N, C-alpha and C. Protein backbone atom coordinates (compact mmCIF):
# COMPACT_ATOMS: atom_id res chain seq x y z
N MET A 1 0.61 -1.37 0.10
CA MET A 1 0.09 0.09 -0.17
C MET A 1 0.74 1.53 -0.11
N ALA A 2 0.69 2.14 -0.99
CA ALA A 2 1.25 3.05 -0.75
C ALA A 2 1.07 4.69 0.46
N ARG A 3 2.21 4.58 0.50
CA ARG A 3 2.33 5.68 1.80
C ARG A 3 1.59 7.15 1.42
N LYS A 4 0.61 6.89 2.63
CA LYS A 4 -0.03 8.87 2.40
C LYS A 4 1.00 9.46 2.73
N ARG A 5 1.02 10.50 2.10
CA ARG A 5 2.02 11.70 2.45
C ARG A 5 1.43 13.07 2.19
N ARG A 6 1.72 13.83 2.88
CA ARG A 6 0.82 15.31 2.65
C ARG A 6 2.11 16.40 2.15
N GLY A 7 1.73 16.88 1.33
CA GLY A 7 2.56 18.47 0.98
C GLY A 7 2.76 19.40 1.99
N GLY A 8 4.05 19.90 2.17
CA GLY A 8 4.59 20.64 2.89
C GLY A 8 3.18 22.17 3.09
N PRO A 9 2.95 22.65 4.10
CA PRO A 9 2.32 23.79 4.31
C PRO A 9 2.91 25.23 3.53
N LYS A 10 1.99 25.89 2.85
CA LYS A 10 2.20 27.01 2.46
C LYS A 10 2.26 28.45 3.04
N ARG A 11 3.07 29.44 3.14
CA ARG A 11 3.54 30.08 4.03
C ARG A 11 2.16 31.36 3.41
N ALA A 12 1.59 31.97 4.67
CA ALA A 12 1.01 33.04 3.98
C ALA A 12 1.75 34.49 3.46
N ASP A 13 0.94 34.89 2.92
CA ASP A 13 1.77 36.25 1.83
C ASP A 13 1.01 37.43 2.58
N ALA A 14 0.72 37.04 3.59
CA ALA A 14 0.70 38.74 4.61
C ALA A 14 -0.02 38.08 5.55
N LYS A 15 1.39 38.53 6.57
CA LYS A 15 1.23 38.38 7.97
C LYS A 15 0.33 38.79 9.05
N GLN A 16 -0.25 38.41 9.67
CA GLN A 16 -2.02 38.85 11.31
C GLN A 16 -0.39 39.37 12.10
N ARG A 17 -1.55 40.50 12.54
CA ARG A 17 -0.52 41.52 13.32
C ARG A 17 -1.31 41.33 14.54
N VAL A 18 -1.35 40.83 15.76
CA VAL A 18 -1.81 40.80 17.15
C VAL A 18 -1.79 41.75 18.10
N LYS A 19 -2.27 42.52 18.52
CA LYS A 19 -2.27 43.97 19.40
C LYS A 19 -2.22 43.63 20.68
N THR A 20 -1.24 44.11 21.54
CA THR A 20 -1.52 44.17 22.92
C THR A 20 -2.60 44.19 23.61
N ALA A 21 -3.39 43.26 24.49
CA ALA A 21 -3.76 43.89 25.42
C ALA A 21 -3.46 43.54 26.29
N ARG A 22 -4.82 44.47 27.53
CA ARG A 22 -4.47 44.63 28.72
C ARG A 22 -4.24 43.33 29.27
N GLY A 23 -2.99 43.10 29.60
CA GLY A 23 -3.25 42.15 31.12
C GLY A 23 -2.12 40.80 30.43
N ARG A 24 -2.12 41.25 28.95
CA ARG A 24 -1.23 40.12 27.84
C ARG A 24 0.21 40.70 28.21
N SER A 25 1.39 39.95 28.56
CA SER A 25 2.66 40.85 28.59
C SER A 25 2.80 40.37 26.72
N ASN A 26 4.07 41.38 26.51
CA ASN A 26 4.75 41.22 24.93
C ASN A 26 5.03 39.76 24.60
N SER A 27 5.80 39.30 25.98
CA SER A 27 6.34 37.83 25.33
C SER A 27 4.89 37.00 24.98
N SER A 28 3.70 37.38 25.17
CA SER A 28 2.92 36.56 25.11
C SER A 28 2.03 36.67 23.77
N THR A 29 2.45 37.89 23.44
CA THR A 29 1.81 38.86 22.00
C THR A 29 2.58 38.21 20.77
N ARG A 30 4.07 38.11 21.38
CA ARG A 30 4.71 37.54 19.99
C ARG A 30 4.43 36.14 19.70
N TRP A 31 4.35 35.47 21.11
CA TRP A 31 4.43 33.73 21.15
C TRP A 31 2.65 33.64 20.06
N LEU A 32 1.95 34.51 20.69
CA LEU A 32 0.43 34.49 19.62
C LEU A 32 0.87 35.19 18.42
N GLN A 33 1.20 36.56 17.96
CA GLN A 33 1.77 36.75 16.38
C GLN A 33 2.58 35.34 15.75
N ARG A 34 3.08 34.63 16.24
CA ARG A 34 3.81 33.53 15.80
C ARG A 34 2.98 32.42 15.61
N GLN A 35 2.33 31.93 16.67
CA GLN A 35 1.37 31.01 16.14
C GLN A 35 0.28 31.07 15.13
N LEU A 36 -0.44 32.69 15.11
CA LEU A 36 -1.09 32.67 13.49
C LEU A 36 -0.59 32.78 12.32
N ASN A 37 0.59 33.10 12.24
CA ASN A 37 1.71 33.30 11.25
C ASN A 37 2.71 31.95 10.94
N ASP A 38 1.89 31.32 11.88
CA ASP A 38 3.18 30.04 11.22
C ASP A 38 2.41 29.04 10.54
N PRO A 39 2.99 28.94 9.28
CA PRO A 39 2.00 27.94 8.27
C PRO A 39 1.94 26.49 8.78
N TYR A 40 3.03 25.85 9.34
CA TYR A 40 2.82 24.47 10.55
C TYR A 40 1.56 24.27 11.14
N VAL A 41 1.26 25.81 11.93
CA VAL A 41 0.09 25.62 13.00
C VAL A 41 -1.15 25.27 12.14
N GLN A 42 -0.74 26.73 11.03
CA GLN A 42 -2.18 26.47 10.14
C GLN A 42 -2.38 25.16 9.09
N GLU A 43 -1.90 24.70 8.61
CA GLU A 43 -1.84 23.29 7.89
C GLU A 43 -2.54 22.17 9.44
N ALA A 44 -1.75 22.36 10.11
CA ALA A 44 -2.06 20.87 11.11
C ALA A 44 -4.04 21.35 11.53
N LYS A 45 -4.32 22.47 11.58
CA LYS A 45 -5.72 22.96 12.16
C LYS A 45 -5.94 22.20 10.79
N ARG A 46 -5.96 22.38 9.63
CA ARG A 46 -6.46 22.17 8.05
C ARG A 46 -6.61 20.92 7.91
N VAL A 47 -6.04 19.93 8.24
CA VAL A 47 -6.09 18.83 8.15
C VAL A 47 -6.14 17.75 9.95
N GLY A 48 -6.18 18.65 10.56
CA GLY A 48 -6.64 17.82 11.47
C GLY A 48 -5.77 17.79 12.78
N TYR A 49 -4.43 17.83 12.57
CA TYR A 49 -3.21 17.00 13.53
C TYR A 49 -3.50 18.09 15.04
N ARG A 50 -3.51 17.80 15.92
CA ARG A 50 -3.09 18.47 17.58
C ARG A 50 -2.41 19.41 17.30
N SER A 51 -1.21 19.14 16.91
CA SER A 51 -0.45 20.25 17.33
C SER A 51 0.56 20.31 15.42
N ARG A 52 1.45 21.68 15.59
CA ARG A 52 2.28 21.11 14.30
C ARG A 52 3.79 20.34 14.50
N ALA A 53 3.73 19.98 15.37
CA ALA A 53 4.80 19.37 15.95
C ALA A 53 4.70 17.75 14.89
N ALA A 54 3.27 17.40 14.69
CA ALA A 54 3.10 15.73 13.76
C ALA A 54 3.78 15.86 12.49
N PHE A 55 4.23 17.58 11.93
CA PHE A 55 4.76 17.44 10.68
C PHE A 55 6.19 17.02 11.12
N LYS A 56 6.76 17.02 12.40
CA LYS A 56 8.14 17.18 12.32
C LYS A 56 8.73 15.09 12.37
N LEU A 57 7.72 14.68 12.83
CA LEU A 57 7.67 12.91 12.67
C LEU A 57 7.57 13.20 11.22
N ILE A 58 6.68 13.50 10.36
CA ILE A 58 6.42 13.32 9.12
C ILE A 58 7.59 13.38 8.04
N ASP A 59 8.17 14.50 8.67
CA ASP A 59 9.90 14.50 8.06
C ASP A 59 10.06 13.91 8.00
N ILE A 60 10.52 13.01 9.22
CA ILE A 60 11.67 12.10 10.03
C ILE A 60 11.08 10.88 9.36
N ASP A 61 9.81 10.89 9.96
CA ASP A 61 9.66 9.24 9.21
C ASP A 61 9.56 9.33 7.90
N ASP A 62 9.24 10.37 6.53
CA ASP A 62 9.30 10.21 5.01
C ASP A 62 10.89 10.26 5.10
N LYS A 63 11.85 10.45 5.21
CA LYS A 63 13.09 10.60 5.34
C LYS A 63 13.78 9.29 5.40
N TYR A 64 13.62 8.43 6.70
CA TYR A 64 13.79 7.05 7.38
C TYR A 64 13.32 6.65 7.33
N ARG A 65 11.74 6.27 6.69
CA ARG A 65 11.28 4.71 6.95
C ARG A 65 10.95 4.74 7.86
N LEU A 66 10.48 5.01 8.78
CA LEU A 66 10.99 4.40 10.33
C LEU A 66 9.49 3.08 10.82
N ILE A 67 8.83 4.12 10.26
CA ILE A 67 7.29 3.69 10.47
C ILE A 67 6.92 2.54 9.80
N ARG A 68 6.08 1.45 10.00
CA ARG A 68 5.79 0.25 9.08
C ARG A 68 4.41 -0.36 9.45
N ARG A 69 4.05 -1.14 8.61
CA ARG A 69 2.47 -1.28 8.70
C ARG A 69 2.60 -2.73 10.49
N ASN A 70 1.17 -2.15 11.20
CA ASN A 70 1.27 -3.52 12.14
C ASN A 70 2.61 -3.14 13.33
N MET A 71 3.30 -2.22 13.28
CA MET A 71 4.37 -2.27 14.45
C MET A 71 3.93 -2.00 15.49
N ARG A 72 4.94 -2.07 16.60
CA ARG A 72 4.35 -2.06 18.12
C ARG A 72 5.66 -0.52 18.78
N VAL A 73 4.83 0.51 19.17
CA VAL A 73 5.29 1.93 18.68
C VAL A 73 5.37 1.92 20.27
N VAL A 74 6.09 2.58 21.02
CA VAL A 74 5.84 3.46 22.59
C VAL A 74 6.46 5.07 22.56
N ASP A 75 5.38 6.05 22.61
CA ASP A 75 5.91 7.54 22.70
C ASP A 75 5.82 8.26 24.23
N LEU A 76 7.05 8.58 24.06
CA LEU A 76 7.26 9.45 25.07
C LEU A 76 7.37 10.55 25.05
N GLY A 77 6.58 11.38 26.31
CA GLY A 77 5.63 13.31 25.53
C GLY A 77 5.15 12.72 25.14
N ALA A 78 3.85 12.38 24.97
CA ALA A 78 3.12 12.49 23.71
C ALA A 78 2.31 13.19 23.81
N ALA A 79 1.63 14.04 24.57
CA ALA A 79 0.77 14.91 24.81
C ALA A 79 0.79 16.40 23.78
N PRO A 80 0.37 17.24 23.00
CA PRO A 80 -1.19 16.99 23.19
C PRO A 80 -1.38 15.43 21.53
N GLY A 81 -0.90 14.65 21.10
CA GLY A 81 -0.88 14.00 20.45
C GLY A 81 -0.85 13.68 19.19
N GLY A 82 -0.02 14.43 18.94
CA GLY A 82 0.71 15.10 17.06
C GLY A 82 1.41 13.58 16.70
N TRP A 83 2.16 13.14 17.63
CA TRP A 83 2.54 12.07 16.78
C TRP A 83 2.31 10.74 16.96
N CYS A 84 1.12 10.91 18.05
CA CYS A 84 0.13 9.85 18.27
C CYS A 84 -0.66 9.62 16.76
N GLN A 85 -0.96 10.61 16.12
CA GLN A 85 -2.03 10.44 15.51
C GLN A 85 -1.10 9.90 14.13
N VAL A 86 -0.12 10.70 13.39
CA VAL A 86 0.97 10.07 12.73
C VAL A 86 1.26 8.64 12.56
N ALA A 87 1.32 7.92 13.83
CA ALA A 87 2.43 6.98 13.87
C ALA A 87 1.14 6.02 14.02
N ALA A 88 -0.07 6.56 14.70
CA ALA A 88 -1.62 5.90 14.22
C ALA A 88 -1.92 5.11 12.88
N GLU A 89 -1.61 6.51 11.64
CA GLU A 89 -2.27 6.62 10.34
C GLU A 89 -1.42 5.81 9.92
N ARG A 90 -0.20 5.57 10.10
CA ARG A 90 1.18 4.61 9.56
C ARG A 90 1.46 2.93 10.17
N ILE A 91 0.75 3.07 11.04
CA ILE A 91 1.02 1.49 11.24
C ILE A 91 -0.25 0.50 11.12
N GLY A 92 -1.71 1.58 11.22
CA GLY A 92 -2.77 0.88 10.62
C GLY A 92 -3.44 0.19 11.89
N PRO A 93 -4.27 -0.44 12.09
CA PRO A 93 -5.44 -1.13 12.63
C PRO A 93 -4.75 -2.12 13.91
N GLU A 94 -4.25 -2.80 13.01
CA GLU A 94 -3.41 -4.08 13.15
C GLU A 94 -2.04 -3.67 14.30
N GLY A 95 -1.40 -2.43 14.16
CA GLY A 95 -0.68 -2.16 14.96
C GLY A 95 -1.04 -1.73 16.34
N ARG A 96 0.28 -1.04 17.44
CA ARG A 96 -0.25 -0.74 18.58
C ARG A 96 1.00 0.27 19.25
N ILE A 97 0.47 1.40 19.48
CA ILE A 97 0.84 2.90 20.72
C ILE A 97 0.68 2.44 21.80
N VAL A 98 1.90 2.31 22.75
CA VAL A 98 1.54 3.23 24.12
C VAL A 98 2.05 4.30 24.28
N ALA A 99 1.27 5.23 24.56
CA ALA A 99 1.93 6.79 24.93
C ALA A 99 1.88 7.45 26.25
N VAL A 100 3.06 7.66 26.67
CA VAL A 100 2.89 8.53 28.58
C VAL A 100 3.19 9.78 27.90
N ASP A 101 2.52 10.88 29.15
CA ASP A 101 3.07 11.93 29.12
C ASP A 101 1.96 12.58 30.62
N LEU A 102 3.18 13.40 31.23
CA LEU A 102 2.44 14.32 32.49
C LEU A 102 1.47 14.85 32.13
N LEU A 103 0.95 15.44 30.91
CA LEU A 103 -0.25 15.27 31.16
C LEU A 103 -1.42 14.63 30.36
N GLU A 104 -2.24 14.91 30.48
CA GLU A 104 -3.33 14.11 30.04
C GLU A 104 -3.77 14.69 28.49
N PHE A 105 -3.80 13.96 27.60
CA PHE A 105 -5.17 14.69 26.20
C PHE A 105 -6.03 13.07 26.19
N ASP A 106 -6.84 13.63 24.98
CA ASP A 106 -7.76 12.93 24.58
C ASP A 106 -7.60 11.82 23.83
N GLY A 107 -7.89 11.04 24.38
CA GLY A 107 -7.76 9.61 23.32
C GLY A 107 -7.99 9.06 21.93
N LEU A 108 -7.18 8.29 21.50
CA LEU A 108 -6.96 8.44 20.17
C LEU A 108 -7.41 6.60 19.88
N ARG A 109 -8.79 6.26 18.98
CA ARG A 109 -8.01 5.16 18.62
C ARG A 109 -6.67 4.01 18.22
N GLY A 110 -6.77 3.21 18.55
CA GLY A 110 -5.35 2.77 18.59
C GLY A 110 -3.88 3.11 19.85
N VAL A 111 -4.38 4.05 20.29
CA VAL A 111 -3.33 4.41 21.72
C VAL A 111 -3.67 4.32 22.82
N ASP A 112 -2.53 3.41 23.50
CA ASP A 112 -3.33 3.26 25.15
C ASP A 112 -2.06 4.44 25.88
N ALA A 113 -3.08 5.43 26.03
CA ALA A 113 -2.30 6.73 26.57
C ALA A 113 -2.32 6.58 28.65
N LEU A 114 -1.44 6.77 28.60
CA LEU A 114 -0.86 7.31 30.69
C LEU A 114 -0.77 8.06 30.96
N VAL A 115 -1.08 8.78 31.93
CA VAL A 115 -0.41 9.86 32.47
C VAL A 115 0.12 9.33 34.10
N GLY A 116 1.99 10.46 33.71
CA GLY A 116 2.69 10.16 34.40
C GLY A 116 3.80 10.55 34.50
N ASP A 117 4.92 10.52 35.33
CA ASP A 117 6.39 11.20 35.18
C ASP A 117 7.15 10.29 34.63
N PHE A 118 7.96 10.45 33.35
CA PHE A 118 8.75 9.86 32.78
C PHE A 118 9.97 8.97 34.19
N HIS A 119 10.24 10.13 34.56
CA HIS A 119 11.57 10.22 35.01
C HIS A 119 10.98 9.05 36.91
N GLU A 120 10.04 9.06 36.54
CA GLU A 120 9.24 8.02 38.02
C GLU A 120 9.50 6.48 37.74
N ALA A 121 10.18 5.67 38.66
CA ALA A 121 10.56 4.19 38.18
C ALA A 121 8.84 3.75 38.00
N GLU A 122 8.07 3.87 38.97
CA GLU A 122 6.93 3.50 38.67
C GLU A 122 5.53 3.69 37.17
N THR A 123 6.16 5.08 37.01
CA THR A 123 5.41 5.17 35.44
C THR A 123 6.32 4.38 34.95
N GLN A 124 7.48 4.04 34.12
CA GLN A 124 8.28 3.41 33.68
C GLN A 124 7.61 1.60 33.69
N GLU A 125 7.51 1.70 34.60
CA GLU A 125 6.95 0.07 34.99
C GLU A 125 5.26 -0.30 34.25
N ALA A 126 5.01 1.13 34.77
CA ALA A 126 3.21 1.50 34.06
C ALA A 126 3.41 0.94 32.42
N VAL A 127 4.57 1.63 31.91
CA VAL A 127 4.46 1.71 30.60
C VAL A 127 5.04 0.02 29.99
N ARG A 128 5.63 -0.45 30.50
CA ARG A 128 6.28 -1.38 30.06
C ARG A 128 5.11 -2.98 30.71
N ALA A 129 4.29 -3.07 31.86
CA ALA A 129 3.35 -3.39 31.54
C ALA A 129 2.20 -3.23 30.91
N ARG A 130 1.90 -2.12 30.28
CA ARG A 130 0.85 -1.84 28.88
C ARG A 130 1.33 -2.40 27.89
N LEU A 131 2.80 -1.91 28.11
CA LEU A 131 3.66 -2.64 26.41
C LEU A 131 3.60 -4.41 26.23
N GLY A 132 3.87 -5.12 27.41
CA GLY A 132 3.37 -6.70 27.54
C GLY A 132 4.59 -6.66 26.28
N GLY A 133 5.75 -6.75 25.76
CA GLY A 133 6.85 -7.15 25.50
C GLY A 133 7.70 -6.16 24.85
N HIS A 134 7.97 -6.80 23.81
CA HIS A 134 9.10 -5.45 22.82
C HIS A 134 8.66 -5.02 21.94
N VAL A 135 9.09 -3.92 21.45
CA VAL A 135 8.25 -2.83 20.68
C VAL A 135 9.62 -2.71 19.23
N ASP A 136 9.12 -2.33 18.64
CA ASP A 136 9.63 -1.90 17.22
C ASP A 136 10.17 -0.40 17.29
N LEU A 137 9.67 0.61 17.85
CA LEU A 137 10.34 1.51 17.76
C LEU A 137 10.03 2.94 18.97
N VAL A 138 10.79 3.55 19.52
CA VAL A 138 10.60 4.33 20.74
C VAL A 138 10.49 5.43 20.06
N LEU A 139 9.44 6.53 20.51
CA LEU A 139 9.62 8.25 19.52
C LEU A 139 9.63 8.79 21.22
N SER A 140 10.38 9.78 21.62
CA SER A 140 10.47 10.64 22.26
C SER A 140 10.74 11.97 22.17
N ASP A 141 9.69 12.76 21.96
CA ASP A 141 9.84 14.11 22.05
C ASP A 141 9.24 14.83 23.35
N MET A 142 10.09 14.26 24.32
CA MET A 142 10.12 15.24 25.47
C MET A 142 10.58 16.11 25.64
N GLY A 143 10.53 17.49 26.30
CA GLY A 143 10.84 18.34 26.24
C GLY A 143 10.98 19.64 27.88
N ALA A 144 11.47 19.72 28.48
CA ALA A 144 11.66 20.09 29.62
C ALA A 144 11.50 21.84 29.39
N SER A 145 10.27 21.98 30.95
CA SER A 145 10.57 23.87 30.85
C SER A 145 11.42 24.11 30.53
N ALA A 146 11.52 25.55 29.34
CA ALA A 146 12.61 25.99 29.08
C ALA A 146 12.75 26.93 30.37
N THR A 147 14.13 27.57 30.07
CA THR A 147 14.65 28.43 31.07
C THR A 147 15.23 30.03 31.04
N GLY A 148 15.23 29.67 29.75
CA GLY A 148 16.08 31.01 28.60
C GLY A 148 17.24 30.70 28.98
N HIS A 149 18.03 30.30 29.63
CA HIS A 149 19.24 30.01 29.47
C HIS A 149 19.45 28.62 29.09
N ALA A 150 20.31 28.91 27.91
CA ALA A 150 20.98 27.83 26.84
C ALA A 150 21.83 26.46 26.98
N ALA A 151 22.41 26.94 28.27
CA ALA A 151 23.24 25.79 28.27
C ALA A 151 22.40 25.12 29.69
N THR A 152 21.66 25.40 30.23
CA THR A 152 20.49 24.65 31.27
C THR A 152 19.45 23.79 30.52
N ASP A 153 18.84 24.74 29.72
CA ASP A 153 18.03 24.20 28.62
C ASP A 153 18.42 22.80 28.11
N HIS A 154 19.77 22.91 27.48
CA HIS A 154 20.35 22.00 26.81
C HIS A 154 20.35 20.64 28.23
N LEU A 155 21.32 21.04 29.20
CA LEU A 155 21.80 19.90 30.13
C LEU A 155 20.40 18.83 30.56
N ARG A 156 18.85 19.65 30.77
CA ARG A 156 17.28 19.44 31.13
C ARG A 156 17.37 18.23 30.00
N SER A 157 16.86 19.04 28.51
CA SER A 157 17.18 18.45 27.51
C SER A 157 17.71 16.60 27.25
N ALA A 158 18.91 16.83 27.54
CA ALA A 158 20.30 16.01 27.66
C ALA A 158 19.67 14.59 28.99
N ALA A 159 19.31 15.31 29.39
CA ALA A 159 18.81 14.16 30.56
C ALA A 159 17.46 13.61 30.15
N LEU A 160 16.29 14.14 29.75
CA LEU A 160 15.45 13.06 29.43
C LEU A 160 15.65 12.65 28.23
N ALA A 161 16.48 13.05 27.47
CA ALA A 161 16.91 12.23 26.10
C ALA A 161 17.50 10.45 26.30
N GLU A 162 18.98 10.74 27.93
CA GLU A 162 19.07 9.48 28.42
C GLU A 162 18.45 9.19 28.94
N ALA A 163 17.79 8.54 29.49
CA ALA A 163 16.34 8.17 30.10
C ALA A 163 15.77 7.52 29.58
N ALA A 164 15.26 8.38 27.73
CA ALA A 164 14.38 8.15 26.51
C ALA A 164 15.70 6.41 26.57
N PHE A 165 17.18 6.51 26.21
CA PHE A 165 17.89 6.42 25.59
C PHE A 165 17.59 5.16 26.75
N GLU A 166 18.27 4.94 27.65
CA GLU A 166 18.43 3.93 28.87
C GLU A 166 16.74 2.99 29.14
N PHE A 167 15.74 3.36 28.97
CA PHE A 167 14.58 2.84 28.54
C PHE A 167 14.42 2.18 27.50
N ALA A 168 15.20 2.53 26.44
CA ALA A 168 14.89 2.09 24.86
C ALA A 168 15.84 0.63 24.72
N THR A 169 16.87 0.65 25.36
CA THR A 169 18.06 -0.50 25.44
C THR A 169 17.08 -1.89 26.76
N GLU A 170 15.57 -1.33 26.98
CA GLU A 170 15.46 -2.84 27.73
C GLU A 170 13.93 -3.04 26.90
N VAL A 171 13.57 -2.00 26.38
CA VAL A 171 11.96 -2.63 25.53
C VAL A 171 12.08 -2.89 24.08
N LEU A 172 13.42 -2.55 23.11
CA LEU A 172 13.70 -2.35 22.15
C LEU A 172 13.45 -3.85 21.52
N ALA A 173 13.30 -4.40 20.56
CA ALA A 173 13.44 -5.81 19.87
C ALA A 173 14.48 -5.61 19.02
N ASP A 174 15.38 -6.87 18.20
CA ASP A 174 16.81 -6.53 17.80
C ASP A 174 16.47 -5.77 16.39
N ASP A 175 17.11 -5.19 15.66
CA ASP A 175 17.28 -3.75 14.78
C ASP A 175 15.55 -3.24 14.65
N GLY A 176 15.39 -3.02 16.59
CA GLY A 176 14.92 -1.74 16.63
C GLY A 176 15.34 0.00 16.38
N ALA A 177 14.27 1.08 16.45
CA ALA A 177 15.03 2.27 15.92
C ALA A 177 14.24 3.14 17.06
N MET A 178 14.56 4.46 17.60
CA MET A 178 14.22 5.19 18.46
C MET A 178 14.59 6.10 17.51
N VAL A 179 14.05 7.41 17.92
CA VAL A 179 13.94 8.57 17.32
C VAL A 179 13.33 9.52 18.63
N VAL A 180 14.90 10.66 19.29
CA VAL A 180 14.70 11.39 20.18
C VAL A 180 15.09 12.93 20.05
N LYS A 181 14.53 13.47 20.73
CA LYS A 181 14.56 14.98 20.57
C LYS A 181 15.86 15.41 21.34
N LEU A 182 16.64 16.38 20.94
CA LEU A 182 17.60 17.32 21.55
C LEU A 182 18.56 18.25 21.52
N LEU A 183 18.21 19.59 22.22
CA LEU A 183 18.90 20.57 22.69
C LEU A 183 20.12 20.77 21.55
N GLN A 184 20.63 21.35 21.06
CA GLN A 184 21.55 21.38 20.54
C GLN A 184 23.08 21.88 21.94
N GLY A 185 24.13 21.20 22.21
CA GLY A 185 25.04 21.65 23.26
C GLY A 185 26.19 20.58 23.49
N ALA A 186 26.56 20.92 24.54
CA ALA A 186 27.60 20.36 24.71
C ALA A 186 27.74 18.96 25.00
N GLU A 187 26.51 18.12 25.12
CA GLU A 187 26.48 17.09 25.45
C GLU A 187 26.74 15.73 24.18
N GLU A 188 25.90 16.58 23.04
CA GLU A 188 25.48 16.03 21.75
C GLU A 188 26.29 15.07 21.58
N GLY A 189 27.75 15.19 21.46
CA GLY A 189 28.76 14.18 20.48
C GLY A 189 28.46 13.35 21.44
N ALA A 190 28.49 13.72 22.78
CA ALA A 190 29.09 12.26 23.42
C ALA A 190 27.62 11.05 23.72
N TYR A 191 26.35 11.79 23.38
CA TYR A 191 24.96 10.78 23.65
C TYR A 191 25.38 10.53 21.97
N VAL A 192 25.65 10.87 21.15
CA VAL A 192 25.35 10.66 19.81
C VAL A 192 26.17 9.11 20.21
N ALA A 193 27.73 9.48 20.25
CA ALA A 193 28.46 8.02 20.61
C ALA A 193 27.92 7.24 21.18
N ARG A 194 27.05 7.52 22.76
CA ARG A 194 26.23 6.34 23.50
C ARG A 194 25.49 5.48 22.45
N LEU A 195 24.96 6.37 21.90
CA LEU A 195 23.90 5.35 21.40
C LEU A 195 24.58 4.65 19.75
N ARG A 196 25.63 5.22 19.20
CA ARG A 196 26.43 4.29 18.28
C ARG A 196 26.94 2.60 18.87
N GLU A 197 26.89 2.63 19.99
CA GLU A 197 27.62 1.27 20.84
C GLU A 197 26.22 0.71 20.75
N ARG A 198 25.14 1.04 20.82
CA ARG A 198 24.01 -0.18 20.16
C ARG A 198 23.07 -0.08 19.14
N PHE A 199 23.39 1.29 18.48
CA PHE A 199 22.98 0.96 17.15
C PHE A 199 23.45 1.23 15.61
N ALA A 200 23.14 0.35 14.81
CA ALA A 200 24.05 0.65 13.89
C ALA A 200 24.09 1.54 12.92
N LYS A 201 23.40 2.20 12.63
CA LYS A 201 22.71 3.92 12.17
C LYS A 201 22.33 5.16 13.41
N VAL A 202 23.33 6.15 13.11
CA VAL A 202 22.65 7.41 14.43
C VAL A 202 22.92 8.08 13.62
N ASP A 203 21.81 8.97 13.05
CA ASP A 203 22.42 9.93 12.57
C ASP A 203 21.34 11.32 13.30
N ARG A 204 21.83 12.50 13.02
CA ARG A 204 21.01 13.90 13.60
C ARG A 204 20.71 13.92 12.49
N MET A 205 19.07 14.61 12.69
CA MET A 205 18.31 15.57 11.79
C MET A 205 17.69 16.20 12.39
N LYS A 206 17.36 17.77 11.70
CA LYS A 206 16.77 19.26 12.14
C LYS A 206 15.54 19.12 10.88
N PRO A 207 13.88 18.92 11.08
CA PRO A 207 13.06 18.75 10.13
C PRO A 207 12.94 20.05 9.81
N PRO A 208 12.72 20.06 8.82
CA PRO A 208 11.76 21.12 8.12
C PRO A 208 10.53 22.21 8.91
N ALA A 209 10.16 21.26 9.41
CA ALA A 209 8.70 21.60 10.36
C ALA A 209 9.63 21.85 11.86
N SER A 210 10.50 22.46 12.19
CA SER A 210 11.47 22.53 13.56
C SER A 210 11.65 24.67 13.11
N ARG A 211 11.27 24.92 13.96
CA ARG A 211 11.55 26.31 13.30
C ARG A 211 12.63 26.75 13.53
N ASP A 212 12.92 27.53 12.79
CA ASP A 212 14.75 27.73 12.15
C ASP A 212 15.45 28.53 13.75
N ARG A 213 14.79 29.25 14.43
CA ARG A 213 15.27 29.64 15.90
C ARG A 213 15.72 28.87 17.00
N SER A 214 14.29 27.59 16.32
CA SER A 214 14.88 26.81 17.43
C SER A 214 16.64 25.68 17.89
N ALA A 215 16.85 25.23 18.88
CA ALA A 215 18.12 24.93 19.01
C ALA A 215 17.61 23.05 18.91
N GLU A 216 16.66 23.08 18.76
CA GLU A 216 16.28 21.20 18.79
C GLU A 216 16.64 20.87 18.02
N MET A 217 16.88 19.26 18.05
CA MET A 217 17.03 18.30 16.84
C MET A 217 16.68 17.36 17.17
N TYR A 218 17.26 16.72 15.81
CA TYR A 218 16.12 14.66 16.36
C TYR A 218 17.22 13.95 16.32
N ILE A 219 17.64 12.82 16.93
CA ILE A 219 18.61 12.37 17.28
C ILE A 219 18.00 10.38 15.91
N VAL A 220 17.94 10.00 15.38
CA VAL A 220 17.55 8.74 14.60
C VAL A 220 18.39 8.20 14.90
N ALA A 221 18.71 6.34 15.83
CA ALA A 221 19.59 5.40 15.31
C ALA A 221 18.70 4.37 15.38
N ARG A 222 18.85 3.62 14.29
CA ARG A 222 18.28 2.10 13.40
C ARG A 222 19.12 1.44 13.91
N GLY A 223 18.53 -0.17 13.67
CA GLY A 223 19.48 -0.99 13.81
C GLY A 223 19.61 -1.73 15.57
N PHE A 224 18.57 -1.03 16.51
CA PHE A 224 19.26 -1.48 17.81
C PHE A 224 19.86 -2.97 17.85
N ARG A 225 20.56 -3.27 18.79
CA ARG A 225 21.70 -4.63 19.18
C ARG A 225 21.76 -4.42 20.25
N ASP A 226 21.61 -5.95 20.93
CA ASP A 226 21.58 -6.42 22.22
C ASP A 226 22.70 -6.29 22.15
N ALA A 227 22.67 -6.04 23.93
CA ALA A 227 24.32 -5.77 24.15
C ALA A 227 25.16 -7.03 24.27
N ALA A 228 24.57 -7.80 24.33
CA ALA A 228 25.70 -9.23 24.57
C ALA A 228 26.08 -9.31 22.78
N ASP A 229 25.46 -8.97 22.02
CA ASP A 229 26.32 -8.86 20.46
C ASP A 229 26.82 -7.62 19.93
N VAL A 230 26.97 -6.53 21.06
CA VAL A 230 27.62 -4.94 21.23
C VAL A 230 29.47 -5.93 20.67
């Protein structure tokens, strides 16, 4: 079956301006104006995706062909569900997705969602229990609250990426894959080197749907190997 592809969003010819309202900070006004003029936000609304982030996974999967029919997938940092929507479309009704986030989000067909802090052992155990076995793909779009200090934000992102990697080593089937978000910074090289010890191929990608000013990137790791085989 041919894979469903969506064309990239078209940029608006004229930008919308947002008036500063009483009680709204200048930063909030700038954020709202950016959202209103973001073609990915507009396209997500048009096609029914819950967030613009859905297009990041589409960009990644269109390049690396990670998601296949009937796969078992775990989605870390899933709310509001944009990545789950894309994964569910591509794995089909016979596949399975287990999703976890601190925030609750509306249910999706084919997605087993739970609320919890992924840093807590209890939450990780709950995810493993729902998986009921190994998975083919681990997705992590987890992100920490921004502090505005680049080095601090990078270290927080690296800690989440490390947690996702450790979890992936426990649940991935042989030859499985992982996609994880990481803010660019000093720990990037060491993290990629660690992944290369357990995956046959590791690439870095900044999807077109990522904002130009954002430091985020995605690590795409394929060909997972059991520790005994390394």
